[in-house]
Amino acid sequence: AEVQSRYIELTTENRDTAVIFADGAGAVCIEAVETSEEVGIITSILHADGKYSEALRVGLPARKSGQAISPTVIKNKEHFPYMDGKAVFKLAVTRLPKVTEELLAKANMKIEDLNMIIPHQANLRINEAFRERMNIPEEKIYNNIQRYGNTTAATLPIALDELMEKNMLKPKDTVMFIGLGAGLTWGGVIYKLI
């Protein structure tokens, strides 16, 4: 669960971040199943590069300096999430296609083998640019940011739940989850439903 509304600076100065982030929660239950079929996590990849940490970050509690909240930290607004929207967009539209290609190669698959791609719901423009760069048909990529905003860690389970509720996924479907986040981190998972 994410409760971003408690930690967002609600000012016009921070409007780029304030209008995107939202509260949300989601969970996925996983259990062991005896089967001869290849189901579950097919492959996963996670990358991190601290060189881009200033593009998308929360100053506290994860500060390089190790400082706790202080009057200076509050005065400098270092306790609020910060995002350089242009930098994050550029990073996302290059990193997400690359990690998609890596995942597909690692799984010995093609984009056509996927029934659905669920990207992190950070920004619709990022997801559309990713879809166009990868030549993905609109019906193979799921977006719901228009309804909920960026619920950060909850975006993927919320999207998966919606797809299941709408019967848009069925047993044996193969789904790719991809995302990019603070730190900077990016990665994905290819998962085959039971």
C-alpha atoms as a PDB file:
ATOM      1  CA  ALA A   1       0.000   0.000   0.000  1.00  0.00           C
ATOM      2  CA  GLU A   2       1.108   3.523  -0.705  1.00  0.00           C
ATOM      3  CA  VAL A   3      -0.219   6.676   0.936  1.00  0.00           C
ATOM      4  CA  GLN A   4       1.526   9.325  -1.138  1.00  0.00           C
ATOM      5  CA  SER A   5      -0.916  12.090  -0.149  1.00  0.00           C
ATOM      6  CA  ARG A   6       0.753  12.316   3.270  1.00  0.00           C
ATOM      7  CA  TYR A   7       4.177  13.012   1.790  1.00  0.00           C
ATOM      8  CA  ILE A   8       3.570  15.226  -1.242  1.00  0.00           C
ATOM      9  CA  GLU A   9       4.318  18.923  -1.183  1.00  0.00           C
ATOM     10  CA  LEU A  10       0.995  20.409  -2.276  1.00  0.00           C
ATOM     11  CA  THR A  11       2.261  23.648  -3.793  1.00  0.00           C
ATOM     12  CA  THR A  12       2.343  25.124  -7.294  1.00  0.00           C
ATOM     13  CA  GLU A  13       6.139  24.886  -7.108  1.00  0.00           C
ATOM     14  CA  ASN A  14       5.802  21.100  -6.849  1.00  0.00           C
ATOM     15  CA  ARG A  15       2.768  20.698  -9.121  1.00  0.00           C
ATOM     16  CA  ASP A  16       4.579  18.278 -11.493  1.00  0.00           C
ATOM     17  CA  THR A  17       4.800  15.734  -8.687  1.00  0.00           C
ATOM     18  CA  ALA A  18       1.665  16.658  -6.732  1.00  0.00           C
ATOM     19  CA  VAL A  19      -0.741  16.079  -9.636  1.00  0.00           C
ATOM     20  CA  ILE A  20       0.626  12.633 -10.556  1.00  0.00           C
ATOM     21  CA  PHE A  21       1.060  10.711  -7.289  1.00  0.00           C
ATOM     22  CA  ALA A  22      -1.910   9.030  -5.614  1.00  0.00           C
ATOM     23  CA  ASP A  23      -2.810   6.630  -2.818  1.00  0.00           C
ATOM     24  CA  GLY A  24      -3.415   2.968  -3.591  1.00  0.00           C
ATOM     25  CA  ALA A  25      -2.958  -0.603  -2.434  1.00  0.00           C
ATOM     26  CA  GLY A  26      -2.691  -4.009  -4.021  1.00  0.00           C
ATOM     27  CA  ALA A  27      -1.561  -7.516  -3.185  1.00  0.00           C
ATOM     28  CA  VAL A  28      -0.867 -10.719  -5.050  1.00  0.00           C
ATOM     29  CA  CYS A  29      -1.056 -14.142  -3.412  1.00  0.00           C
ATOM     30  CA  ILE A  30       1.412 -16.715  -4.689  1.00  0.00           C
ATOM     31  CA  GLU A  31       1.359 -20.408  -3.861  1.00  0.00           C
ATOM     32  CA  ALA A  32       3.357 -23.453  -4.865  1.00  0.00           C
ATOM     33  CA  VAL A  33       1.641 -25.696  -7.393  1.00  0.00           C
ATOM     34  CA  GLU A  34       2.792 -29.088  -8.589  1.00  0.00           C
ATOM     35  CA  THR A  35       2.626 -29.129 -12.373  1.00  0.00           C
ATOM     36  CA  SER A  36       4.683 -30.269 -15.312  1.00  0.00           C
ATOM     37  CA  GLU A  37       3.860 -27.047 -17.164  1.00  0.00           C
ATOM     38  CA  GLU A  38       6.012 -23.945 -17.143  1.00  0.00           C
ATOM     39  CA  VAL A  39       3.986 -21.487 -15.072  1.00  0.00           C
ATOM     40  CA  GLY A  40       4.762 -18.685 -12.664  1.00  0.00           C
ATOM     41  CA  ILE A  41       7.828 -16.485 -13.006  1.00  0.00           C
ATOM     42  CA  ILE A  42       9.534 -17.287 -16.300  1.00  0.00           C
ATOM     43  CA  THR A  43      12.279 -14.693 -15.889  1.00  0.00           C
ATOM     44  CA  SER A  44      13.055 -11.417 -14.158  1.00  0.00           C
ATOM     45  CA  ILE A  45      15.596  -8.627 -14.441  1.00  0.00           C
ATOM     46  CA  LEU A  46      16.343  -5.697 -12.136  1.00  0.00           C
ATOM     47  CA  HIS A  47      18.789  -2.872 -12.833  1.00  0.00           C
ATOM     48  CA  ALA A  48      19.917  -0.019 -10.599  1.00  0.00           C
ATOM     49  CA  ASP A  49      22.146   2.954 -11.311  1.00  0.00           C
ATOM     50  CA  GLY A  50      22.748   5.490  -8.559  1.00  0.00           C
ATOM     51  CA  LYS A  51      24.206   7.878 -11.126  1.00  0.00           C
ATOM     52  CA  TYR A  52      20.606   8.941 -11.818  1.00  0.00           C
ATOM     53  CA  SER A  53      19.456   9.047  -8.193  1.00  0.00           C
ATOM     54  CA  GLU A  54      18.911  12.795  -8.272  1.00  0.00           C
ATOM     55  CA  ALA A  55      16.319  12.484 -11.072  1.00  0.00           C
ATOM     56  CA  LEU A  56      13.777  10.683  -8.888  1.00  0.00           C
ATOM     57  CA  ARG A  57      14.199  10.434  -5.170  1.00  0.00           C
ATOM     58  CA  VAL A  58      12.866  10.887  -1.682  1.00  0.00           C
ATOM     59  CA  GLY A  59      15.472  12.631   0.428  1.00  0.00           C
ATOM     60  CA  LEU A  60      14.432  11.006   3.687  1.00  0.00           C
ATOM     61  CA  PRO A  61      14.717   8.480   5.131  1.00  0.00           C
ATOM     62  CA  ALA A  62      17.109   7.286   2.399  1.00  0.00           C
ATOM     63  CA  ARG A  63      19.710  10.027   2.400  1.00  0.00           C
ATOM     64  CA  LYS A  64      23.299   9.620   1.294  1.00  0.00           C
ATOM     65  CA  SER A  65      24.438  11.687   4.255  1.00  0.00           C
ATOM     66  CA  GLY A  66      22.618   9.493   6.777  1.00  0.00           C
ATOM     67  CA  GLN A  67      21.087  12.578   8.420  1.00  0.00           C
ATOM     68  CA  ALA A  68      17.718  12.396  10.084  1.00  0.00           C
ATOM     69  CA  ILE A  69      15.059  15.070   9.796  1.00  0.00           C
ATOM     70  CA  SER A  70      16.373  18.402  10.959  1.00  0.00           C
ATOM     71  CA  PRO A  71      15.261  22.023  10.643  1.00  0.00           C
ATOM     72  CA  THR A  72      17.632  22.388   7.663  1.00  0.00           C
ATOM     73  CA  VAL A  73      16.170  19.333   5.922  1.00  0.00           C
ATOM     74  CA  ILE A  74      12.648  20.721   6.443  1.00  0.00           C
ATOM     75  CA  LYS A  75      13.656  24.204   5.278  1.00  0.00           C
ATOM     76  CA  ASN A  76      15.224  22.757   2.106  1.00  0.00           C
ATOM     77  CA  LYS A  77      12.162  20.517   1.545  1.00  0.00           C
ATOM     78  CA  GLU A  78      14.405  17.450   1.315  1.00  0.00           C
ATOM     79  CA  HIS A  79      11.779  15.289   3.037  1.00  0.00           C
ATOM     80  CA  PHE A  80       9.427  15.502   0.028  1.00  0.00           C
ATOM     81  CA  PRO A  81       9.660  13.307  -3.072  1.00  0.00           C
ATOM     82  CA  TYR A  82      11.487  15.024  -5.916  1.00  0.00           C
ATOM     83  CA  MET A  83      11.227  14.260  -9.611  1.00  0.00           C
ATOM     84  CA  ASP A  84      12.941  15.841 -12.601  1.00  0.00           C
ATOM     85  CA  GLY A  85      10.130  14.999 -15.021  1.00  0.00           C
ATOM     86  CA  LYS A  86      12.113  15.550 -18.227  1.00  0.00           C
ATOM     87  CA  ALA A  87      15.040  13.433 -17.048  1.00  0.00           C
ATOM     88  CA  VAL A  88      12.751  10.637 -15.828  1.00  0.00           C
ATOM     89  CA  PHE A  89      10.862  10.641 -19.134  1.00  0.00           C
ATOM     90  CA  LYS A  90      14.105  10.327 -21.133  1.00  0.00           C
ATOM     91  CA  LEU A  91      15.392   7.564 -18.871  1.00  0.00           C
ATOM     92  CA  ALA A  92      12.094   5.660 -18.969  1.00  0.00           C
ATOM     93  CA  VAL A  93      11.633   5.730 -22.742  1.00  0.00           C
ATOM     94  CA  THR A  94      15.144   4.331 -23.232  1.00  0.00           C
ATOM     95  CA  ARG A  95      15.390   1.924 -20.269  1.00  0.00           C
ATOM     96  CA  LEU A  96      11.956   0.287 -20.566  1.00  0.00           C
ATOM     97  CA  PRO A  97      12.402  -0.846 -24.201  1.00  0.00           C
ATOM     98  CA  LYS A  98      15.893  -2.152 -23.377  1.00  0.00           C
ATOM     99  CA  VAL A  99      14.752  -4.161 -20.360  1.00  0.00           C
ATOM    100  CA  THR A 100      11.830  -5.508 -22.408  1.00  0.00           C
ATOM    101  CA  GLU A 101      14.265  -6.762 -25.044  1.00  0.00           C
ATOM    102  CA  GLU A 102      16.478  -8.267 -22.311  1.00  0.00           C
ATOM    103  CA  LEU A 103      13.529 -10.072 -20.714  1.00  0.00           C
ATOM    104  CA  LEU A 104      12.318 -11.443 -24.028  1.00  0.00           C
ATOM    105  CA  ALA A 105      15.817 -12.637 -24.978  1.00  0.00           C
ATOM    106  CA  LYS A 106      16.340 -14.259 -21.566  1.00  0.00           C
ATOM    107  CA  ALA A 107      12.991 -16.080 -21.901  1.00  0.00           C
ATOM    108  CA  ASN A 108      13.623 -16.925 -25.577  1.00  0.00           C
ATOM    109  CA  MET A 109      10.382 -15.159 -26.498  1.00  0.00           C
ATOM    110  CA  LYS A 110       9.097 -12.469 -28.854  1.00  0.00           C
ATOM    111  CA  ILE A 111       6.731  -9.623 -28.052  1.00  0.00           C
ATOM    112  CA  GLU A 112       4.039 -11.573 -29.942  1.00  0.00           C
ATOM    113  CA  ASP A 113       4.306 -14.353 -27.337  1.00  0.00           C
ATOM    114  CA  LEU A 114       3.005 -12.003 -24.642  1.00  0.00           C
ATOM    115  CA  ASN A 115      -0.727 -11.753 -24.032  1.00  0.00           C
ATOM    116  CA  MET A 116      -0.439  -8.534 -22.037  1.00  0.00           C
ATOM    117  CA  ILE A 117       2.149  -5.989 -20.951  1.00  0.00           C
ATOM    118  CA  ILE A 118       1.498  -4.147 -17.712  1.00  0.00           C
ATOM    119  CA  PRO A 119       3.835  -1.183 -17.338  1.00  0.00           C
ATOM    120  CA  HIS A 120       4.225   0.738 -14.104  1.00  0.00           C
ATOM    121  CA  GLN A 121       1.612   3.485 -14.202  1.00  0.00           C
ATOM    122  CA  ALA A 122       3.981   6.409 -13.695  1.00  0.00           C
ATOM    123  CA  ASN A 123       2.926   8.533 -16.637  1.00  0.00           C
ATOM    124  CA  LEU A 124       0.677   7.852 -19.632  1.00  0.00           C
ATOM    125  CA  ARG A 125       3.066   9.684 -21.982  1.00  0.00           C
ATOM    126  CA  ILE A 126       5.899   7.350 -20.920  1.00  0.00           C
ATOM    127  CA  ASN A 127       3.721   4.274 -21.490  1.00  0.00           C
ATOM    128  CA  GLU A 128       2.557   5.518 -24.899  1.00  0.00           C
ATOM    129  CA  ALA A 129       6.128   6.353 -25.979  1.00  0.00           C
ATOM    130  CA  PHE A 130       7.228   2.882 -24.834  1.00  0.00           C
ATOM    131  CA  ARG A 131       4.361   1.242 -26.751  1.00  0.00           C
ATOM    132  CA  GLU A 132       5.189   3.168 -29.928  1.00  0.00           C
ATOM    133  CA  ARG A 133       8.943   2.453 -29.720  1.00  0.00           C
ATOM    134  CA  MET A 134       8.291  -1.252 -29.263  1.00  0.00           C
ATOM    135  CA  ASN A 135       5.492  -1.429 -31.885  1.00  0.00           C
ATOM    136  CA  ILE A 136       3.109  -2.949 -29.362  1.00  0.00           C
ATOM    137  CA  PRO A 137      -0.571  -3.106 -30.383  1.00  0.00           C
ATOM    138  CA  GLU A 138      -2.778  -0.975 -28.113  1.00  0.00           C
ATOM    139  CA  GLU A 139      -4.776  -4.002 -26.950  1.00  0.00           C
ATOM    140  CA  LYS A 140      -1.606  -5.664 -25.579  1.00  0.00           C
ATOM    141  CA  ILE A 141      -0.698  -2.897 -23.141  1.00  0.00           C
ATOM    142  CA  TYR A 142      -2.775  -1.965 -20.107  1.00  0.00           C
ATOM    143  CA  ASN A 143      -3.043   1.541 -18.680  1.00  0.00           C
ATOM    144  CA  ASN A 144      -5.200   2.802 -15.841  1.00  0.00           C
ATOM    145  CA  ILE A 145      -3.238   5.864 -14.693  1.00  0.00           C
ATOM    146  CA  GLN A 146      -6.054   7.989 -16.124  1.00  0.00           C
ATOM    147  CA  ARG A 147      -8.298   6.746 -13.298  1.00  0.00           C
ATOM    148  CA  TYR A 148      -5.947   6.377 -10.344  1.00  0.00           C
ATOM    149  CA  GLY A 149      -2.788   8.387 -10.918  1.00  0.00           C
ATOM    150  CA  ASN A 150       0.620   6.979 -10.008  1.00  0.00           C
ATOM    151  CA  THR A 151       0.041   4.820  -6.942  1.00  0.00           C
ATOM    152  CA  THR A 152       3.786   3.976  -6.991  1.00  0.00           C
ATOM    153  CA  ALA A 153       4.369   0.396  -5.778  1.00  0.00           C
ATOM    154  CA  ALA A 154       0.644  -0.385  -6.010  1.00  0.00           C
ATOM    155  CA  THR A 155       0.266   0.300  -9.765  1.00  0.00           C
ATOM    156  CA  LEU A 156       1.095  -3.212 -10.969  1.00  0.00           C
ATOM    157  CA  PRO A 157      -1.100  -5.206  -8.550  1.00  0.00           C
ATOM    158  CA  ILE A 158      -4.001  -2.794  -9.122  1.00  0.00           C
ATOM    159  CA  ALA A 159      -3.679  -3.209 -12.902  1.00  0.00           C
ATOM    160  CA  LEU A 160      -3.417  -7.000 -12.597  1.00  0.00           C
ATOM    161  CA  ASP A 161      -6.531  -7.087 -10.410  1.00  0.00           C
ATOM    162  CA  GLU A 162      -8.477  -5.007 -12.936  1.00  0.00           C
ATOM    163  CA  LEU A 163      -7.427  -7.250 -15.814  1.00  0.00           C
ATOM    164  CA  MET A 164      -8.481 -10.352 -13.872  1.00  0.00           C
ATOM    165  CA  GLU A 165     -11.814  -8.789 -12.826  1.00  0.00           C
ATOM    166  CA  LYS A 166     -12.556  -7.823 -16.449  1.00  0.00           C
ATOM    167  CA  ASN A 167     -11.617 -11.334 -17.663  1.00  0.00           C
ATOM    168  CA  MET A 168      -8.990  -9.802 -19.925  1.00  0.00           C
ATOM    169  CA  LEU A 169      -6.498 -12.475 -18.810  1.00  0.00           C
ATOM    170  CA  LYS A 170      -7.067 -16.209 -18.814  1.00  0.00           C
ATOM    171  CA  PRO A 171      -5.176 -19.273 -17.586  1.00  0.00           C
ATOM    172  CA  LYS A 172      -1.914 -19.914 -19.461  1.00  0.00           C
ATOM    173  CA  ASP A 173      -1.624 -16.247 -20.551  1.00  0.00           C
ATOM    174  CA  THR A 174       1.857 -14.771 -20.438  1.00  0.00           C
ATOM    175  CA  VAL A 175       2.175 -11.314 -18.894  1.00  0.00           C
ATOM    176  CA  MET A 176       5.115  -8.922 -18.723  1.00  0.00           C
ATOM    177  CA  PHE A 177       5.351  -6.450 -15.846  1.00  0.00           C
ATOM    178  CA  ILE A 178       7.867  -3.616 -16.301  1.00  0.00           C
ATOM    179  CA  GLY A 179       8.701  -0.469 -14.413  1.00  0.00           C
ATOM    180  CA  LEU A 180      11.125   2.259 -13.502  1.00  0.00           C
ATOM    181  CA  GLY A 181      11.443   3.953 -10.134  1.00  0.00           C
ATOM    182  CA  ALA A 182      13.472   5.978  -7.696  1.00  0.00           C
ATOM    183  CA  GLY A 183      17.099   5.313  -7.153  1.00  0.00           C
ATOM    184  CA  LEU A 184      17.185   4.876 -10.234  1.00  0.00           C
ATOM    185  CA  THR A 185      15.880   1.341 -10.702  1.00  0.00           C
ATOM    186  CA  TRP A 186      14.172  -0.407 -13.614  1.00  0.00           C
ATOM    187  CA  GLY A 187      13.276  -3.943 -14.468  1.00  0.00           C
ATOM    188  CA  GLY A 188      10.589  -6.447 -15.193  1.00  0.00           C
ATOM    189  CA  VAL A 189       9.136  -9.922 -14.886  1.00  0.00           C
ATOM    190  CA  ILE A 190       7.606 -12.310 -17.390  1.00  0.00           C
ATOM    191  CA  TYR A 191       4.939 -14.399 -15.689  1.00  0.00           C
ATOM    192  CA  LYS A 192       2.773 -17.233 -17.001  1.00  0.00           C
ATOM    193  CA  LEU A 193      -0.611 -17.541 -15.329  1.00  0.00           C
ATOM    194  CA  ILE A 194      -1.820 -20.881 -14.027  1.00  0.00           C
END
